[in-house]
Amino acid sequence: MTRKSLCREIQAVNLRLTIHRLQFQQTHQQSKTAFHQLHPYLLIGGGLLAGFITNRMGWRKVYSLMGTGLSFYPFIMSGLSPDENVQ
C-alpha cells in the first residue's frame, strides 16, 4: 500500500470513530436526561423491588427473564405506538 492510500484509510477510520463517538455522546446525554427526570422515590422503589425479586428468584432466572423481556421489547413497543394508517 502506498503512503497516500494508508493516509486515506486512516482518515476514513478516524471519521467512522468520530461518528460513533458523537452517537455515543448523544445517547449518553439522552440517558442522563431521562435519569434526571425520574422521581427519586421511584428510583429507590424500583431498586428495592429489583433486589427483592433477585433475592427470591435467583440472579440466573432474573437474568434469563430480563433477556427474554428485552428481546420482546421492540415488538411490544411497536404494538403500543399509534398507527397513522388507522382512520
PDB file of N, CA and C in Angstrom:
ATOM      1  N   MET A   1       0.841  -1.179   0.000  1.00  0.00           N
ATOM      2  CA  MET A   1       0.000   0.000   0.000  1.00  0.00           C
ATOM      3  C   MET A   1       0.889   1.247   0.000  1.00  0.00           C
ATOM      4  N   THR A   2       0.414   2.210  -0.693  1.00  0.00           N
ATOM      5  CA  THR A   2       1.179   3.450  -0.750  1.00  0.00           C
ATOM      6  C   THR A   2       0.850   4.312   0.465  1.00  0.00           C
ATOM      7  N   ARG A   3       1.682   5.259   0.685  1.00  0.00           N
ATOM      8  CA  ARG A   3       1.502   6.166   1.815  1.00  0.00           C
ATOM      9  C   ARG A   3       0.187   6.943   1.693  1.00  0.00           C
ATOM     10  N   LYS A   4      -0.142   7.328   0.468  1.00  0.00           N
ATOM     11  CA  LYS A   4      -1.369   8.095   0.229  1.00  0.00           C
ATOM     12  C   LYS A   4      -2.612   7.254   0.565  1.00  0.00           C
ATOM     13  N   SER A   5      -2.621   5.987   0.148  1.00  0.00           N
ATOM     14  CA  SER A   5      -3.776   5.131   0.431  1.00  0.00           C
ATOM     15  C   SER A   5      -3.882   4.836   1.929  1.00  0.00           C
ATOM     16  N   LEU A   6      -2.750   4.689   2.601  1.00  0.00           N
ATOM     17  CA  LEU A   6      -2.778   4.487   4.047  1.00  0.00           C
ATOM     18  C   LEU A   6      -3.332   5.713   4.763  1.00  0.00           C
ATOM     19  N   CYS A   7      -2.958   6.886   4.314  1.00  0.00           N
ATOM     20  CA  CYS A   7      -3.491   8.120   4.901  1.00  0.00           C
ATOM     21  C   CYS A   7      -4.999   8.218   4.693  1.00  0.00           C
ATOM     22  N   ARG A   8      -5.466   7.860   3.516  1.00  0.00           N
ATOM     23  CA  ARG A   8      -6.915   7.880   3.241  1.00  0.00           C
ATOM     24  C   ARG A   8      -7.647   6.887   4.132  1.00  0.00           C
ATOM     25  N   GLU A   9      -7.061   5.714   4.298  1.00  0.00           N
ATOM     26  CA  GLU A   9      -7.686   4.691   5.136  1.00  0.00           C
ATOM     27  C   GLU A   9      -7.743   5.150   6.598  1.00  0.00           C
ATOM     28  N   ILE A  10      -6.683   5.765   7.064  1.00  0.00           N
ATOM     29  CA  ILE A  10      -6.657   6.283   8.435  1.00  0.00           C
ATOM     30  C   ILE A  10      -7.703   7.379   8.604  1.00  0.00           C
ATOM     31  N   GLN A  11      -7.833   8.249   7.617  1.00  0.00           N
ATOM     32  CA  GLN A  11      -8.834   9.312   7.693  1.00  0.00           C
ATOM     33  C   GLN A  11     -10.249   8.738   7.697  1.00  0.00           C
ATOM     34  N   ALA A  12     -10.483   7.687   6.905  1.00  0.00           N
ATOM     35  CA  ALA A  12     -11.808   7.057   6.873  1.00  0.00           C
ATOM     36  C   ALA A  12     -12.136   6.417   8.218  1.00  0.00           C
ATOM     37  N   VAL A  13     -11.169   5.731   8.797  1.00  0.00           N
ATOM     38  CA  VAL A  13     -11.389   5.106  10.109  1.00  0.00           C
ATOM     39  C   VAL A  13     -11.600   6.185  11.172  1.00  0.00           C
ATOM     40  N   ASN A  14     -10.839   7.250  11.084  1.00  0.00           N
ATOM     41  CA  ASN A  14     -10.999   8.355  12.034  1.00  0.00           C
ATOM     42  C   ASN A  14     -12.389   8.975  11.924  1.00  0.00           C
ATOM     43  N   LEU A  15     -12.898   9.120  10.722  1.00  0.00           N
ATOM     44  CA  LEU A  15     -14.239   9.666  10.526  1.00  0.00           C
ATOM     45  C   LEU A  15     -15.296   8.743  11.128  1.00  0.00           C
ATOM     46  N   ARG A  16     -15.159   7.431  10.894  1.00  0.00           N
ATOM     47  CA  ARG A  16     -16.104   6.469  11.469  1.00  0.00           C
ATOM     48  C   ARG A  16     -16.070   6.517  12.991  1.00  0.00           C
ATOM     49  N   LEU A  17     -14.876   6.601  13.570  1.00  0.00           N
ATOM     50  CA  LEU A  17     -14.764   6.682  15.024  1.00  0.00           C
ATOM     51  C   LEU A  17     -15.380   7.967  15.562  1.00  0.00           C
ATOM     52  N   THR A  18     -15.207   9.044  14.848  1.00  0.00           N
ATOM     53  CA  THR A  18     -15.804  10.314  15.265  1.00  0.00           C
ATOM     54  C   THR A  18     -17.323  10.229  15.247  1.00  0.00           C
ATOM     55  N   ILE A  19     -17.874   9.598  14.218  1.00  0.00           N
ATOM     56  CA  ILE A  19     -19.335   9.428  14.127  1.00  0.00           C
ATOM     57  C   ILE A  19     -19.832   8.563  15.278  1.00  0.00           C
ATOM     58  N   HIS A  20     -19.145   7.463  15.561  1.00  0.00           N
ATOM     59  CA  HIS A  20     -19.550   6.593  16.667  1.00  0.00           C
ATOM     60  C   HIS A  20     -19.454   7.322  18.007  1.00  0.00           C
ATOM     61  N   ARG A  21     -18.419   8.127  18.186  1.00  0.00           N
ATOM     62  CA  ARG A  21     -18.257   8.886  19.428  1.00  0.00           C
ATOM     63  C   ARG A  21     -19.381   9.889  19.595  1.00  0.00           C
ATOM     64  N   LEU A  22     -19.765  10.576  18.519  1.00  0.00           N
ATOM     65  CA  LEU A  22     -20.864  11.539  18.594  1.00  0.00           C
ATOM     66  C   LEU A  22     -22.191  10.859  18.894  1.00  0.00           C
ATOM     67  N   GLN A  23     -22.424   9.679  18.285  1.00  0.00           N
ATOM     68  CA  GLN A  23     -23.640   8.925  18.576  1.00  0.00           C
ATOM     69  C   GLN A  23     -23.665   8.487  20.037  1.00  0.00           C
ATOM     70  N   PHE A  24     -22.525   8.046  20.542  1.00  0.00           N
ATOM     71  CA  PHE A  24     -22.433   7.628  21.938  1.00  0.00           C
ATOM     72  C   PHE A  24     -22.700   8.802  22.869  1.00  0.00           C
ATOM     73  N   GLN A  25     -22.132   9.963  22.560  1.00  0.00           N
ATOM     74  CA  GLN A  25     -22.352  11.137  23.396  1.00  0.00           C
ATOM     75  C   GLN A  25     -23.818  11.554  23.392  1.00  0.00           C
ATOM     76  N   GLN A  26     -24.474  11.449  22.243  1.00  0.00           N
ATOM     77  CA  GLN A  26     -25.889  11.806  22.154  1.00  0.00           C
ATOM     78  C   GLN A  26     -26.733  10.827  22.972  1.00  0.00           C
ATOM     79  N   THR A  27     -26.443   9.539  22.859  1.00  0.00           N
ATOM     80  CA  THR A  27     -27.172   8.537  23.630  1.00  0.00           C
ATOM     81  C   THR A  27     -26.943   8.736  25.125  1.00  0.00           C
ATOM     82  N   HIS A  28     -25.703   9.039  25.494  1.00  0.00           N
ATOM     83  CA  HIS A  28     -25.378   9.287  26.896  1.00  0.00           C
ATOM     84  C   HIS A  28     -26.157  10.483  27.424  1.00  0.00           C
ATOM     85  N   GLN A  29     -26.241  11.533  26.647  1.00  0.00           N
ATOM     86  CA  GLN A  29     -26.962  12.735  27.079  1.00  0.00           C
ATOM     87  C   GLN A  29     -28.453  12.448  27.222  1.00  0.00           C
ATOM     88  N   GLN A  30     -29.027  11.667  26.307  1.00  0.00           N
ATOM     89  CA  GLN A  30     -30.443  11.325  26.404  1.00  0.00           C
ATOM     90  C   GLN A  30     -30.711  10.456  27.628  1.00  0.00           C
ATOM     91  N   SER A  31     -29.826   9.508  27.905  1.00  0.00           N
ATOM     92  CA  SER A  31     -29.975   8.652  29.081  1.00  0.00           C
ATOM     93  C   SER A  31     -29.861   9.470  30.367  1.00  0.00           C
ATOM     94  N   LYS A  32     -28.933  10.381  30.374  1.00  0.00           N
ATOM     95  CA  LYS A  32     -28.734  11.229  31.546  1.00  0.00           C
ATOM     96  C   LYS A  32     -29.964  12.098  31.796  1.00  0.00           C
ATOM     97  N   THR A  33     -30.527  12.644  30.736  1.00  0.00           N
ATOM     98  CA  THR A  33     -31.729  13.469  30.858  1.00  0.00           C
ATOM     99  C   THR A  33     -32.911  12.646  31.376  1.00  0.00           C
ATOM    100  N   ALA A  34     -33.086  11.445  30.825  1.00  0.00           N
ATOM    101  CA  ALA A  34     -34.178  10.577  31.274  1.00  0.00           C
ATOM    102  C   ALA A  34     -33.987  10.168  32.727  1.00  0.00           C
ATOM    103  N   PHE A  35     -32.764   9.902  33.125  1.00  0.00           N
ATOM    104  CA  PHE A  35     -32.479   9.518  34.505  1.00  0.00           C
ATOM    105  C   PHE A  35     -32.792  10.652  35.465  1.00  0.00           C
ATOM    106  N   HIS A  36     -32.471  11.876  35.091  1.00  0.00           N
ATOM    107  CA  HIS A  36     -32.733  13.022  35.964  1.00  0.00           C
ATOM    108  C   HIS A  36     -34.216  13.369  36.040  1.00  0.00           C
ATOM    109  N   GLN A  37     -35.012  12.892  35.108  1.00  0.00           N
ATOM    110  CA  GLN A  37     -36.446  13.162  35.140  1.00  0.00           C
ATOM    111  C   GLN A  37     -37.194  12.200  36.062  1.00  0.00           C
ATOM    112  N   LEU A  38     -36.532  11.111  36.482  1.00  0.00           N
ATOM    113  CA  LEU A  38     -37.170  10.154  37.380  1.00  0.00           C
ATOM    114  C   LEU A  38     -37.293  10.734  38.783  1.00  0.00           C
ATOM    115  N   HIS A  39     -38.382  10.433  39.426  1.00  0.00           N
ATOM    116  CA  HIS A  39     -38.562  10.839  40.811  1.00  0.00           C
ATOM    117  C   HIS A  39     -37.662   9.967  41.688  1.00  0.00           C
ATOM    118  N   PRO A  40     -36.987  10.545  42.676  1.00  0.00           N
ATOM    119  CA  PRO A  40     -36.057   9.760  43.499  1.00  0.00           C
ATOM    120  C   PRO A  40     -36.716   8.570  44.206  1.00  0.00           C
ATOM    121  N   TYR A  41     -37.950   8.737  44.661  1.00  0.00           N
ATOM    122  CA  TYR A  41     -38.631   7.631  45.335  1.00  0.00           C
ATOM    123  C   TYR A  41     -38.929   6.483  44.370  1.00  0.00           C
ATOM    124  N   LEU A  42     -39.223   6.820  43.122  1.00  0.00           N
ATOM    125  CA  LEU A  42     -39.449   5.787  42.115  1.00  0.00           C
ATOM    126  C   LEU A  42     -38.163   5.009  41.853  1.00  0.00           C
ATOM    127  N   LEU A  43     -37.065   5.709  41.811  1.00  0.00           N
ATOM    128  CA  LEU A  43     -35.777   5.068  41.594  1.00  0.00           C
ATOM    129  C   LEU A  43     -35.413   4.141  42.758  1.00  0.00           C
ATOM    130  N   ILE A  44     -35.615   4.620  43.979  1.00  0.00           N
ATOM    131  CA  ILE A  44     -35.315   3.803  45.162  1.00  0.00           C
ATOM    132  C   ILE A  44     -36.264   2.606  45.228  1.00  0.00           C
ATOM    133  N   GLY A  45     -37.540   2.843  44.974  1.00  0.00           N
ATOM    134  CA  GLY A  45     -38.516   1.743  44.997  1.00  0.00           C
ATOM    135  C   GLY A  45     -38.230   0.705  43.932  1.00  0.00           C
ATOM    136  N   GLY A  46     -37.846   1.145  42.742  1.00  0.00           N
ATOM    137  CA  GLY A  46     -37.501   0.200  41.678  1.00  0.00           C
ATOM    138  C   GLY A  46     -36.285  -0.630  42.036  1.00  0.00           C
ATOM    139  N   GLY A  47     -35.303   0.005  42.666  1.00  0.00           N
ATOM    140  CA  GLY A  47     -34.114  -0.729  43.101  1.00  0.00           C
ATOM    141  C   GLY A  47     -34.435  -1.745  44.180  1.00  0.00           C
ATOM    142  N   LEU A  48     -35.279  -1.352  45.133  1.00  0.00           N
ATOM    143  CA  LEU A  48     -35.676  -2.290  46.186  1.00  0.00           C
ATOM    144  C   LEU A  48     -36.462  -3.466  45.617  1.00  0.00           C
ATOM    145  N   LEU A  49     -37.369  -3.180  44.701  1.00  0.00           N
ATOM    146  CA  LEU A  49     -38.151  -4.241  44.075  1.00  0.00           C
ATOM    147  C   LEU A  49     -37.264  -5.187  43.271  1.00  0.00           C
ATOM    148  N   ALA A  50     -36.330  -4.635  42.524  1.00  0.00           N
ATOM    149  CA  ALA A  50     -35.411  -5.468  41.749  1.00  0.00           C
ATOM    150  C   ALA A  50     -34.547  -6.330  42.669  1.00  0.00           C
ATOM    151  N   GLY A  51     -34.088  -5.756  43.775  1.00  0.00           N
ATOM    152  CA  GLY A  51     -33.311  -6.533  44.734  1.00  0.00           C
ATOM    153  C   GLY A  51     -34.120  -7.635  45.373  1.00  0.00           C
ATOM    154  N   PHE A  52     -35.362  -7.347  45.726  1.00  0.00           N
ATOM    155  CA  PHE A  52     -36.229  -8.357  46.329  1.00  0.00           C
ATOM    156  C   PHE A  52     -36.506  -9.495  45.353  1.00  0.00           C
ATOM    157  N   ILE A  53     -36.821  -9.149  44.113  1.00  0.00           N
ATOM    158  CA  ILE A  53     -37.107 -10.184  43.107  1.00  0.00           C
ATOM    159  C   ILE A  53     -35.868 -11.024  42.841  1.00  0.00           C
ATOM    160  N   THR A  54     -34.725 -10.397  42.746  1.00  0.00           N
ATOM    161  CA  THR A  54     -33.486 -11.134  42.505  1.00  0.00           C
ATOM    162  C   THR A  54     -33.180 -12.058  43.669  1.00  0.00           C
ATOM    163  N   ASN A  55     -33.434 -11.604  44.888  1.00  0.00           N
ATOM    164  CA  ASN A  55     -33.193 -12.436  46.061  1.00  0.00           C
ATOM    165  C   ASN A  55     -34.128 -13.636  46.095  1.00  0.00           C
ATOM    166  N   ARG A  56     -35.390 -13.436  45.707  1.00  0.00           N
ATOM    167  CA  ARG A  56     -36.372 -14.523  45.754  1.00  0.00           C
ATOM    168  C   ARG A  56     -36.184 -15.529  44.615  1.00  0.00           C
ATOM    169  N   MET A  57     -35.913 -15.046  43.415  1.00  0.00           N
ATOM    170  CA  MET A  57     -35.845 -15.927  42.245  1.00  0.00           C
ATOM    171  C   MET A  57     -34.437 -16.423  41.960  1.00  0.00           C
ATOM    172  N   GLY A  58     -33.449 -15.684  42.327  1.00  0.00           N
ATOM    173  CA  GLY A  58     -32.080 -16.017  41.964  1.00  0.00           C
ATOM    174  C   GLY A  58     -31.667 -15.205  40.752  1.00  0.00           C
ATOM    175  N   TRP A  59     -30.411 -14.833  40.715  1.00  0.00           N
ATOM    176  CA  TRP A  59     -29.972 -13.913  39.669  1.00  0.00           C
ATOM    177  C   TRP A  59     -29.974 -14.560  38.296  1.00  0.00           C
ATOM    178  N   ARG A  60     -29.770 -15.872  38.203  1.00  0.00           N
ATOM    179  CA  ARG A  60     -29.768 -16.529  36.886  1.00  0.00           C
ATOM    180  C   ARG A  60     -31.147 -16.493  36.239  1.00  0.00           C
ATOM    181  N   LYS A  61     -32.181 -16.751  37.027  1.00  0.00           N
ATOM    182  CA  LYS A  61     -33.543 -16.714  36.486  1.00  0.00           C
ATOM    183  C   LYS A  61     -33.936 -15.293  36.106  1.00  0.00           C
ATOM    184  N   VAL A  62     -33.559 -14.336  36.934  1.00  0.00           N
ATOM    185  CA  VAL A  62     -33.877 -12.934  36.638  1.00  0.00           C
ATOM    186  C   VAL A  62     -33.152 -12.498  35.375  1.00  0.00           C
ATOM    187  N   TYR A  63     -31.889 -12.897  35.234  1.00  0.00           N
ATOM    188  CA  TYR A  63     -31.107 -12.556  34.052  1.00  0.00           C
ATOM    189  C   TYR A  63     -31.743 -13.145  32.793  1.00  0.00           C
ATOM    190  N   SER A  64     -32.182 -14.402  32.879  1.00  0.00           N
ATOM    191  CA  SER A  64     -32.831 -15.054  31.739  1.00  0.00           C
ATOM    192  C   SER A  64     -34.151 -14.374  31.399  1.00  0.00           C
ATOM    193  N   LEU A  65     -34.936 -14.080  32.407  1.00  0.00           N
ATOM    194  CA  LEU A  65     -36.230 -13.420  32.206  1.00  0.00           C
ATOM    195  C   LEU A  65     -36.047 -12.025  31.619  1.00  0.00           C
ATOM    196  N   MET A  66     -35.029 -11.314  32.095  1.00  0.00           N
ATOM    197  CA  MET A  66     -34.764  -9.975  31.583  1.00  0.00           C
ATOM    198  C   MET A  66     -34.330 -10.027  30.118  1.00  0.00           C
ATOM    199  N   GLY A  67     -33.511 -11.020  29.764  1.00  0.00           N
ATOM    200  CA  GLY A  67     -33.094 -11.169  28.369  1.00  0.00           C
ATOM    201  C   GLY A  67     -34.271 -11.459  27.458  1.00  0.00           C
ATOM    202  N   THR A  68     -35.190 -12.283  27.934  1.00  0.00           N
ATOM    203  CA  THR A  68     -36.392 -12.585  27.148  1.00  0.00           C
ATOM    204  C   THR A  68     -37.250 -11.334  26.988  1.00  0.00           C
ATOM    205  N   GLY A  69     -37.395 -10.585  28.067  1.00  0.00           N
ATOM    206  CA  GLY A  69     -38.183  -9.357  28.001  1.00  0.00           C
ATOM    207  C   GLY A  69     -37.580  -8.336  27.052  1.00  0.00           C
ATOM    208  N   LEU A  70     -36.259  -8.226  27.064  1.00  0.00           N
ATOM    209  CA  LEU A  70     -35.605  -7.271  26.164  1.00  0.00           C
ATOM    210  C   LEU A  70     -35.720  -7.690  24.703  1.00  0.00           C
ATOM    211  N   SER A  71     -35.782  -8.991  24.450  1.00  0.00           N
ATOM    212  CA  SER A  71     -35.931  -9.431  23.064  1.00  0.00           C
ATOM    213  C   SER A  71     -37.341  -9.142  22.539  1.00  0.00           C
ATOM    214  N   PHE A  72     -38.326  -9.090  23.428  1.00  0.00           N
ATOM    215  CA  PHE A  72     -39.697  -8.779  23.027  1.00  0.00           C
ATOM    216  C   PHE A  72     -39.989  -7.277  23.059  1.00  0.00           C
ATOM    217  N   TYR A  73     -39.093  -6.473  23.583  1.00  0.00           N
ATOM    218  CA  TYR A  73     -39.325  -5.033  23.748  1.00  0.00           C
ATOM    219  C   TYR A  73     -39.693  -4.319  22.443  1.00  0.00           C
ATOM    220  N   PRO A  74     -38.947  -4.521  21.336  1.00  0.00           N
ATOM    221  CA  PRO A  74     -39.344  -3.831  20.094  1.00  0.00           C
ATOM    222  C   PRO A  74     -40.738  -4.241  19.618  1.00  0.00           C
ATOM    223  N   PHE A  75     -41.081  -5.506  19.787  1.00  0.00           N
ATOM    224  CA  PHE A  75     -42.394  -5.994  19.379  1.00  0.00           C
ATOM    225  C   PHE A  75     -43.497  -5.334  20.211  1.00  0.00           C
ATOM    226  N   ILE A  76     -43.275  -5.234  21.508  1.00  0.00           N
ATOM    227  CA  ILE A  76     -44.261  -4.637  22.398  1.00  0.00           C
ATOM    228  C   ILE A  76     -44.415  -3.147  22.100  1.00  0.00           C
ATOM    229  N   MET A  77     -43.293  -2.456  21.901  1.00  0.00           N
ATOM    230  CA  MET A  77     -43.356  -1.021  21.649  1.00  0.00           C
ATOM    231  C   MET A  77     -44.015  -0.714  20.303  1.00  0.00           C
ATOM    232  N   SER A  78     -43.811  -1.570  19.310  1.00  0.00           N
ATOM    233  CA  SER A  78     -44.467  -1.331  18.024  1.00  0.00           C
ATOM    234  C   SER A  78     -45.976  -1.542  18.136  1.00  0.00           C
ATOM    235  N   GLY A  79     -46.404  -2.425  19.033  1.00  0.00           N
ATOM    236  CA  GLY A  79     -47.829  -2.645  19.246  1.00  0.00           C
ATOM    237  C   GLY A  79     -48.489  -1.527  20.023  1.00  0.00           C
ATOM    238  N   LEU A  80     -47.705  -0.819  20.847  1.00  0.00           N
ATOM    239  CA  LEU A  80     -48.260   0.261  21.661  1.00  0.00           C
ATOM    240  C   LEU A  80     -48.261   1.602  20.952  1.00  0.00           C
ATOM    241  N   SER A  81     -47.454   1.731  19.909  1.00  0.00           N
ATOM    242  CA  SER A  81     -47.383   3.023  19.219  1.00  0.00           C
ATOM    243  C   SER A  81     -48.632   3.250  18.394  1.00  0.00           C
ATOM    244  N   PRO A  82     -49.074   4.497  18.301  1.00  0.00           N
ATOM    245  CA  PRO A  82     -50.276   4.780  17.499  1.00  0.00           C
ATOM    246  C   PRO A  82     -49.988   4.548  16.013  1.00  0.00           C
ATOM    247  N   ASP A  83     -50.961   3.989  15.371  1.00  0.00           N
ATOM    248  CA  ASP A  83     -50.814   3.689  13.943  1.00  0.00           C
ATOM    249  C   ASP A  83     -51.390   4.839  13.130  1.00  0.00           C
ATOM    250  N   GLU A  84     -50.568   5.393  12.239  1.00  0.00           N
ATOM    251  CA  GLU A  84     -51.016   6.537  11.447  1.00  0.00           C
ATOM    252  C   GLU A  84     -51.995   6.121  10.343  1.00  0.00           C
ATOM    253  N   ASN A  85     -52.005   4.845   9.972  1.00  0.00           N
ATOM    254  CA  ASN A  85     -52.834   4.397   8.862  1.00  0.00           C
ATOM    255  C   ASN A  85     -54.293   4.177   9.271  1.00  0.00           C
ATOM    256  N   VAL A  86     -54.566   4.069  10.567  1.00  0.00           N
ATOM    257  CA  VAL A  86     -55.928   3.829  11.032  1.00  0.00           C
ATOM    258  C   VAL A  86     -56.677   5.162  11.055  1.00  0.00           C
ATOM    259  N   GLN A  87     -57.908   5.155  10.483  1.00  0.00           N
ATOM    260  CA  GLN A  87     -58.683   6.398  10.456  1.00  0.00           C
ATOM    261  C   GLN A  87     -59.968   6.231  11.217  1.00  0.00           C
TER     262      GLN A  87
END
